[in-house]
Amino acid sequence: MKLAGLSRSRRDAQALGRFGRVAVSSRVRLARNVAGVPFPDSLSDDDAVKLARKLGKFCQKAGRTIGVNLGYAELDERGSSDEIYILSDRGLVSNTFFERLPGAGVAFRPDDTYSQGGFSVMLNEEDHIRIQSIVPGYDLERAWREADDFDTAINRFVPYAFSKKLGYLTACPTNVGTAMRASVEVFLPGMLLAEDFDATLRALSALRVNARGEEGEGSAFFSPTVQISTGGTLGLTEAQAIASLKRVVDEVVEQEARARRYIFTRERRLAVDYFARALSILKTSYMLGAQEAKACLHAVRLAVELRYVKRISLDTVDEALARIGDSFFEREPAPGGSDGEPPPYDDDAPMEDRASAMRYLFSRAQPTF
């Protein structure tokens, strides 16, 4: 894969032009630890709980100094609050976070919507503090600025574990240095249909970036969505790491634009089939997992954007993407359960409810092909 530089205007035209958007969202995460305090894995349960609550208060104070109102929730012996499950479905809380019981907390912007992105601070996950900003589209600078502003604000209340030689000290040695991870989620149906998707992933793996595809286990509909993120940042400044990632993402956007141009002008039947399958699954399924639904929604969103599907708006599809996770579909108690124990839950209930919601939402959507 060539890494030729592209001008900003040309890149924007390709990302948001006649063949639809490529970049779905941009994310920047900063890991920090409190000076003189053991990493979370070495804390006792009592000390972890005390630290999380103390840091949660500092997060809210720091937020107020920069005009950001933050809510707070934590894990305890009773499990997670609905707020935390919703944050998890939106990518603002990691799977690892749920293993940190007790003593894990999260500060978050409570009023964020899908179209606005999101902001959270995980406490006592792998590190004491993990600041995370997600913004829609291709805007790493904005995500970085939001995370960096909060990082500066909370550092006024919390002294960081920092080495003049190595940089920020983290629980995982590969994060030492800037302790920053930046990523862009890109949607690559053009490369998938042009049979360049696997080659692109192999090319990315040879560069100083990480590329992770997204495919639901057992999914009947493959999602050509990829998270492209920075690799190790030891020895790099934050600006250098961002610039390095942008050069790679710029080229991926260029390649996807070329693939879409080829598919939509010379192999239109492939695009029509791809869109038709996704729309059919949303309109007719009676059991639908979150990953498969998300893959279909991304495909139909592009179809709506390119006017291959009518009678449904982009705002409606975006709202569906924001509410596709299990946390938005109440699990129902299953029959059975012994005395004195909570009843088991029907794991199929969210899949049935999700499918029902999608059938209703897309009942009026019509293809134009």
Protein backbone atom coordinates (compact mmCIF):
# COMPACT_ATOMS: atom_id res chain seq x y z
CA MET A 1 0.00 0.00 0.00
CA LYS A 2 1.39 3.38 -0.99
CA LEU A 3 1.36 6.14 1.55
CA ALA A 4 1.21 9.15 -0.73
CA GLY A 5 0.09 12.32 1.00
CA LEU A 6 -3.27 13.85 0.08
CA SER A 7 -4.42 17.42 0.41
CA ARG A 8 -7.11 18.11 2.98
CA SER A 9 -9.66 19.27 0.40
CA ARG A 10 -9.14 16.25 -1.83
CA ARG A 11 -9.37 13.85 1.10
CA ASP A 12 -12.57 15.46 2.35
CA ALA A 13 -14.12 15.22 -1.09
CA GLN A 14 -13.33 11.51 -1.23
CA ALA A 15 -14.54 10.84 2.32
CA LEU A 16 -17.82 12.75 1.99
CA GLY A 17 -18.38 12.95 -1.76
CA ARG A 18 -20.70 11.23 -4.20
CA PHE A 19 -19.73 7.72 -3.01
CA GLY A 20 -20.61 8.28 0.66
CA ARG A 21 -18.67 8.60 3.89
CA VAL A 22 -15.76 6.29 4.67
CA ALA A 23 -14.74 7.27 8.21
CA VAL A 24 -17.44 6.47 10.78
CA SER A 25 -15.79 7.84 13.93
CA SER A 26 -12.49 8.94 15.46
CA ARG A 27 -11.28 8.08 18.95
CA VAL A 28 -8.42 9.15 21.23
CA ARG A 29 -7.67 7.43 24.55
CA LEU A 30 -5.15 8.57 27.17
CA ALA A 31 -3.98 6.28 29.99
CA ARG A 32 -2.79 7.83 33.23
CA ASN A 33 -1.86 6.56 36.70
CA VAL A 34 -1.64 8.27 40.07
CA ALA A 35 1.90 8.85 41.31
CA GLY A 36 2.86 6.67 44.26
CA VAL A 37 -0.22 4.42 44.04
CA PRO A 38 0.00 0.73 42.94
CA PHE A 39 -1.58 -0.16 39.60
CA PRO A 40 -5.21 -1.39 39.83
CA ASP A 41 -4.24 -5.08 39.72
CA SER A 42 -2.20 -4.58 42.90
CA LEU A 43 -4.85 -2.73 44.88
CA SER A 44 -6.99 -4.35 47.56
CA ASP A 45 -10.75 -4.25 46.97
CA ASP A 46 -11.24 -1.60 49.66
CA ASP A 47 -8.42 0.58 48.33
CA ALA A 48 -9.74 0.25 44.76
CA VAL A 49 -13.23 1.37 45.79
CA LYS A 50 -11.87 4.35 47.75
CA LEU A 51 -9.59 5.40 44.88
CA ALA A 52 -12.33 5.13 42.24
CA ARG A 53 -14.71 7.30 44.26
CA LYS A 54 -12.00 9.85 44.99
CA LEU A 55 -11.01 10.01 41.32
CA GLY A 56 -14.67 10.21 40.31
CA LYS A 57 -15.05 13.39 42.36
CA PHE A 58 -11.87 14.83 40.86
CA CYS A 59 -13.19 14.01 37.37
CA GLN A 60 -16.37 15.95 38.02
CA LYS A 61 -14.41 18.89 39.45
CA ALA A 62 -12.02 18.86 36.50
CA GLY A 63 -14.94 18.71 34.08
CA ARG A 64 -16.53 21.79 35.60
CA THR A 65 -13.31 23.78 35.13
CA ILE A 66 -13.58 23.26 31.36
CA GLY A 67 -17.37 23.48 31.10
CA VAL A 68 -18.05 19.73 30.89
CA ASN A 69 -20.77 18.20 33.09
CA LEU A 70 -19.91 14.60 33.99
CA GLY A 71 -22.05 11.92 35.58
CA TYR A 72 -20.58 9.03 37.56
CA ALA A 73 -21.41 5.33 37.94
CA GLU A 74 -19.52 2.39 39.41
CA LEU A 75 -19.47 -1.39 39.55
CA ASP A 76 -20.35 -3.06 42.84
CA GLU A 77 -21.34 -6.47 44.13
CA ARG A 78 -24.83 -6.06 42.70
CA GLY A 79 -23.44 -5.69 39.18
CA SER A 80 -23.59 -2.82 36.72
CA SER A 81 -26.07 -0.01 36.36
CA ASP A 82 -28.04 0.42 33.14
CA GLU A 83 -25.91 3.50 32.44
CA ILE A 84 -22.73 1.41 32.34
CA TYR A 85 -24.27 -1.17 29.98
CA ILE A 86 -25.35 1.63 27.65
CA LEU A 87 -21.85 3.12 27.74
CA SER A 88 -20.46 -0.34 26.89
CA ASP A 89 -22.77 -0.68 23.89
CA ARG A 90 -21.54 2.71 22.66
CA GLY A 91 -17.87 1.73 23.02
CA LEU A 92 -17.25 4.09 25.95
CA VAL A 93 -16.57 1.27 28.43
CA SER A 94 -14.35 -1.71 27.60
CA ASN A 95 -15.06 -5.40 28.17
CA THR A 96 -12.10 -5.45 30.58
CA PHE A 97 -13.85 -2.85 32.72
CA PHE A 98 -16.50 -5.39 33.77
CA GLU A 99 -13.81 -7.70 35.17
CA ARG A 100 -12.72 -5.03 37.69
CA LEU A 101 -15.23 -5.81 40.41
CA PRO A 102 -15.28 -4.15 42.84
CA GLY A 103 -13.55 -0.78 42.52
CA ALA A 104 -14.21 0.25 38.93
CA GLY A 105 -16.00 3.50 38.14
CA VAL A 106 -16.68 5.65 35.10
CA ALA A 107 -17.27 9.37 34.64
CA PHE A 108 -19.16 10.23 31.47
CA ARG A 109 -21.02 12.96 29.59
CA PRO A 110 -24.66 11.95 30.19
CA ASP A 111 -26.29 13.94 27.40
CA ASP A 112 -24.23 12.68 24.44
CA THR A 113 -26.10 11.25 21.46
CA TYR A 114 -24.79 8.93 18.73
CA SER A 115 -24.39 11.83 16.31
CA GLN A 116 -22.35 13.78 18.87
CA GLY A 117 -19.93 10.96 19.77
CA GLY A 118 -19.12 10.47 23.45
CA PHE A 119 -16.71 11.11 26.29
CA SER A 120 -15.84 8.89 29.27
CA VAL A 121 -13.16 8.37 31.91
CA MET A 122 -12.76 4.77 33.07
CA LEU A 123 -11.35 4.47 36.57
CA ASN A 124 -9.39 1.43 37.78
CA GLU A 125 -9.67 -0.46 34.51
CA GLU A 126 -6.15 -1.49 33.46
CA ASP A 127 -4.85 1.91 34.60
CA HIS A 128 -6.16 4.28 37.25
CA ILE A 129 -7.47 6.75 34.65
CA ARG A 130 -8.40 6.14 31.01
CA ILE A 131 -9.71 9.24 29.26
CA GLN A 132 -11.63 8.53 26.06
CA SER A 133 -13.12 10.86 23.46
CA ILE A 134 -15.11 9.64 20.45
CA VAL A 135 -16.28 12.04 17.73
CA PRO A 136 -18.25 11.31 14.55
CA GLY A 137 -16.48 11.16 11.20
CA TYR A 138 -12.80 11.76 10.47
CA ASP A 139 -11.67 14.32 13.05
CA LEU A 140 -8.77 13.02 15.12
CA GLU A 141 -7.76 16.57 16.04
CA ARG A 142 -11.08 17.23 17.77
CA ALA A 143 -10.99 13.91 19.65
CA TRP A 144 -7.41 14.58 20.71
CA ARG A 145 -8.25 18.14 21.80
CA GLU A 146 -11.18 16.98 23.96
CA ALA A 147 -9.10 14.27 25.65
CA ASP A 148 -6.09 16.56 26.08
CA ASP A 149 -8.15 19.40 27.60
CA PHE A 150 -9.56 17.06 30.23
CA ASP A 151 -6.14 15.49 30.82
CA THR A 152 -4.71 18.94 31.63
CA ALA A 153 -7.68 19.78 33.85
CA ILE A 154 -7.60 16.64 36.01
CA ASN A 155 -3.80 16.77 36.32
CA ARG A 156 -4.34 19.88 38.45
CA PHE A 157 -6.02 17.63 41.04
CA VAL A 158 -4.12 14.36 40.49
CA PRO A 159 -0.30 13.97 40.26
CA TYR A 160 0.64 11.55 37.47
CA ALA A 161 3.14 8.70 37.47
CA PHE A 162 5.65 10.09 34.95
CA SER A 163 9.27 9.46 33.99
CA LYS A 164 11.34 12.15 32.27
CA LYS A 165 13.10 9.36 30.39
CA LEU A 166 10.14 7.12 29.47
CA GLY A 167 7.06 9.33 29.66
CA TYR A 168 3.76 8.31 31.28
CA LEU A 169 4.02 5.05 33.23
CA THR A 170 1.31 2.49 32.57
CA ALA A 171 0.31 -1.00 33.72
CA CYS A 172 1.04 -2.41 30.25
CA PRO A 173 4.61 -1.70 29.08
CA THR A 174 3.52 -1.26 25.45
CA ASN A 175 1.55 1.87 26.44
CA VAL A 176 4.50 3.60 28.14
CA GLY A 177 5.42 6.90 26.54
CA THR A 178 2.53 9.09 25.40
CA ALA A 179 0.16 6.38 26.76
CA MET A 180 -2.12 7.42 23.91
CA ARG A 181 -4.11 5.21 21.58
CA ALA A 182 -5.81 6.89 18.62
CA SER A 183 -8.07 5.13 16.14
CA VAL A 184 -10.43 5.71 13.24
CA GLU A 185 -13.33 3.39 12.40
CA VAL A 186 -13.66 3.07 8.63
CA PHE A 187 -16.38 1.38 6.57
CA LEU A 188 -14.96 -0.40 3.50
CA PRO A 189 -17.73 -2.05 1.45
CA GLY A 190 -16.04 -1.00 -1.80
CA MET A 191 -12.92 -2.98 -0.96
CA LEU A 192 -15.05 -5.92 0.18
CA LEU A 193 -17.03 -6.06 -3.06
CA ALA A 194 -13.90 -5.46 -5.15
CA GLU A 195 -12.21 -8.35 -3.25
CA ASP A 196 -9.46 -6.07 -1.90
CA PHE A 197 -10.54 -6.21 1.76
CA ASP A 198 -8.22 -9.00 2.95
CA ALA A 199 -5.27 -7.56 1.04
CA THR A 200 -5.86 -4.20 2.71
CA LEU A 201 -5.85 -5.77 6.18
CA ARG A 202 -2.57 -7.56 5.38
CA ALA A 203 -1.03 -4.31 4.13
CA LEU A 204 -2.10 -2.48 7.29
CA SER A 205 -0.61 -5.16 9.52
CA ALA A 206 2.79 -4.51 7.91
CA LEU A 207 2.70 -0.87 8.96
CA ARG A 208 3.05 0.70 12.41
CA VAL A 209 -0.69 0.51 13.01
CA ASN A 210 -3.17 -2.04 14.31
CA ALA A 211 -6.16 -3.06 12.19
CA ARG A 212 -9.06 -4.96 13.66
CA GLY A 213 -12.02 -6.10 11.62
CA GLU A 214 -15.51 -6.49 13.00
CA GLU A 215 -17.56 -9.60 12.34
CA GLY A 216 -20.17 -10.95 14.67
CA GLU A 217 -19.67 -14.59 15.62
CA GLY A 218 -22.04 -16.68 13.51
CA SER A 219 -23.10 -13.59 11.61
CA ALA A 220 -24.81 -14.12 8.28
CA PHE A 221 -23.78 -10.69 7.08
CA PHE A 222 -20.12 -9.71 7.06
CA SER A 223 -19.23 -6.21 8.23
CA PRO A 224 -16.33 -4.56 6.37
CA THR A 225 -15.80 -2.20 9.30
CA VAL A 226 -12.22 -1.78 10.51
CA GLN A 227 -10.68 0.00 13.48
CA ILE A 228 -7.29 1.40 12.43
CA SER A 229 -5.28 2.44 15.48
CA THR A 230 -1.81 3.56 16.48
CA GLY A 231 0.70 0.91 17.49
CA GLY A 232 3.38 1.55 20.11
CA THR A 233 4.00 5.24 20.77
CA LEU A 234 7.19 5.01 22.83
CA GLY A 235 9.60 7.62 21.46
CA LEU A 236 6.85 9.56 19.67
CA THR A 237 5.04 12.71 20.68
CA GLU A 238 1.25 12.71 20.61
CA ALA A 239 1.31 14.94 17.52
CA GLN A 240 3.68 12.56 15.73
CA ALA A 241 1.53 9.54 16.57
CA ILE A 242 -1.61 11.30 15.29
CA ALA A 243 0.15 12.40 12.09
CA SER A 244 1.43 8.88 11.47
CA LEU A 245 -2.04 7.39 11.85
CA LYS A 246 -3.59 10.04 9.61
CA ARG A 247 -1.20 9.23 6.77
CA VAL A 248 -2.38 5.63 6.82
CA VAL A 249 -6.08 6.49 7.15
CA ASP A 250 -5.78 9.02 4.30
CA GLU A 251 -4.53 6.27 2.02
CA VAL A 252 -7.26 3.86 3.12
CA VAL A 253 -9.88 6.53 2.36
CA GLU A 254 -8.29 7.01 -1.08
CA GLN A 255 -8.33 3.29 -1.83
CA GLU A 256 -11.92 2.87 -0.65
CA ALA A 257 -13.05 5.83 -2.78
CA ARG A 258 -11.46 4.20 -5.84
CA ALA A 259 -13.07 0.84 -5.03
CA ARG A 260 -16.51 2.42 -4.62
CA ARG A 261 -16.11 4.37 -7.84
CA TYR A 262 -15.34 1.12 -9.67
CA ILE A 263 -18.17 -0.88 -8.05
CA PHE A 264 -20.88 1.76 -8.41
CA THR A 265 -20.01 2.61 -12.04
CA ARG A 266 -18.88 -0.74 -13.50
CA GLU A 267 -20.20 -3.49 -11.20
CA ARG A 268 -23.43 -1.95 -9.95
CA ARG A 269 -25.09 -5.37 -9.54
CA LEU A 270 -22.64 -6.14 -6.71
CA ALA A 271 -23.64 -2.98 -4.85
CA VAL A 272 -27.34 -3.66 -5.44
CA ASP A 273 -27.02 -7.20 -4.11
CA TYR A 274 -25.09 -5.99 -1.05
CA PHE A 275 -27.68 -3.34 -0.20
CA ALA A 276 -30.62 -5.65 -0.93
CA ARG A 277 -29.33 -8.36 1.41
CA ALA A 278 -28.79 -5.90 4.25
CA LEU A 279 -32.20 -4.27 3.83
CA SER A 280 -33.92 -7.66 3.60
CA ILE A 281 -32.37 -8.84 6.88
CA LEU A 282 -33.56 -5.70 8.68
CA LYS A 283 -37.07 -5.89 7.19
CA THR A 284 -37.74 -9.61 7.69
CA SER A 285 -35.61 -11.12 10.50
CA TYR A 286 -37.22 -12.49 13.66
CA MET A 287 -33.91 -13.09 15.50
CA LEU A 288 -31.17 -10.51 15.08
CA GLY A 289 -27.87 -10.17 16.98
CA ALA A 290 -26.29 -6.80 17.69
CA GLN A 291 -23.24 -7.28 15.47
CA GLU A 292 -25.25 -8.48 12.48
CA ALA A 293 -27.75 -5.66 12.92
CA LYS A 294 -24.94 -3.10 13.09
CA ALA A 295 -23.35 -4.48 9.91
CA CYS A 296 -26.68 -4.27 8.07
CA LEU A 297 -27.38 -0.77 9.38
CA HIS A 298 -24.02 0.51 8.13
CA ALA A 299 -24.76 -0.95 4.70
CA VAL A 300 -28.28 0.49 4.56
CA ARG A 301 -27.01 3.86 5.80
CA LEU A 302 -24.72 4.02 2.78
CA ALA A 303 -27.61 2.94 0.54
CA VAL A 304 -29.76 5.77 1.91
CA GLU A 305 -26.89 8.23 1.51
CA LEU A 306 -26.48 7.21 -2.15
CA ARG A 307 -30.26 7.12 -2.73
CA TYR A 308 -30.43 3.39 -3.34
CA VAL A 309 -33.07 3.26 -0.57
CA LYS A 310 -35.87 5.78 0.03
CA ARG A 311 -38.55 6.54 2.63
CA ILE A 312 -36.14 6.44 5.54
CA SER A 313 -33.77 9.17 6.69
CA LEU A 314 -30.11 9.10 7.66
CA ASP A 315 -31.12 10.43 11.10
CA THR A 316 -33.37 7.41 11.60
CA VAL A 317 -30.60 4.98 10.66
CA ASP A 318 -28.15 6.79 12.96
CA GLU A 319 -30.64 6.56 15.81
CA ALA A 320 -30.96 2.82 15.18
CA LEU A 321 -27.17 2.46 15.25
CA ALA A 322 -27.11 4.27 18.60
CA ARG A 323 -29.67 1.90 20.12
CA ILE A 324 -28.74 -1.48 18.70
CA GLY A 325 -26.95 -2.94 21.74
CA ASP A 326 -28.46 -5.38 24.23
CA SER A 327 -28.72 -2.68 26.90
CA PHE A 328 -31.56 -1.06 24.95
CA PHE A 329 -33.59 -4.27 24.84
CA GLU A 330 -34.81 -5.52 28.21
CA ARG A 331 -34.04 -9.14 29.00
CA GLU A 332 -37.07 -11.06 30.20
CA PRO A 333 -36.99 -13.64 33.02
CA ALA A 334 -37.14 -17.18 31.67
CA PRO A 335 -39.42 -19.81 33.20
CA GLY A 336 -37.91 -21.71 36.12
CA GLY A 337 -35.43 -20.78 38.83
CA SER A 338 -35.15 -22.26 42.29
CA ASP A 339 -36.45 -20.73 45.51
CA GLY A 340 -34.28 -17.97 46.88
CA GLU A 341 -32.42 -17.47 43.60
CA PRO A 342 -33.09 -14.89 40.90
CA PRO A 343 -34.72 -16.37 37.80
CA PRO A 344 -32.54 -17.06 34.77
CA TYR A 345 -32.85 -14.69 31.85
CA ASP A 346 -33.93 -15.47 28.32
CA ASP A 347 -30.85 -14.62 26.27
CA ASP A 348 -32.92 -14.72 23.07
CA ALA A 349 -35.24 -11.91 24.20
CA PRO A 350 -32.96 -9.03 23.05
CA MET A 351 -32.50 -10.71 19.66
CA GLU A 352 -36.25 -11.04 19.20
CA ASP A 353 -36.96 -7.49 20.40
CA ARG A 354 -34.17 -6.07 18.22
CA ALA A 355 -35.51 -7.84 15.13
CA SER A 356 -39.01 -6.58 15.91
CA ALA A 357 -37.73 -3.01 16.28
CA MET A 358 -35.86 -3.20 12.98
CA ARG A 359 -38.88 -4.64 11.14
CA TYR A 360 -40.99 -1.75 12.40
CA LEU A 361 -38.36 0.91 11.71
CA PHE A 362 -37.67 -0.23 8.15
CA SER A 363 -41.19 -1.31 7.21
CA ARG A 364 -41.64 1.69 4.87
CA ALA A 365 -38.09 1.69 3.48
CA GLN A 366 -38.05 0.93 -0.24
CA PRO A 367 -35.19 0.15 -2.60
CA THR A 368 -34.85 2.29 -5.73
CA PHE A 369 -32.83 -0.24 -7.72
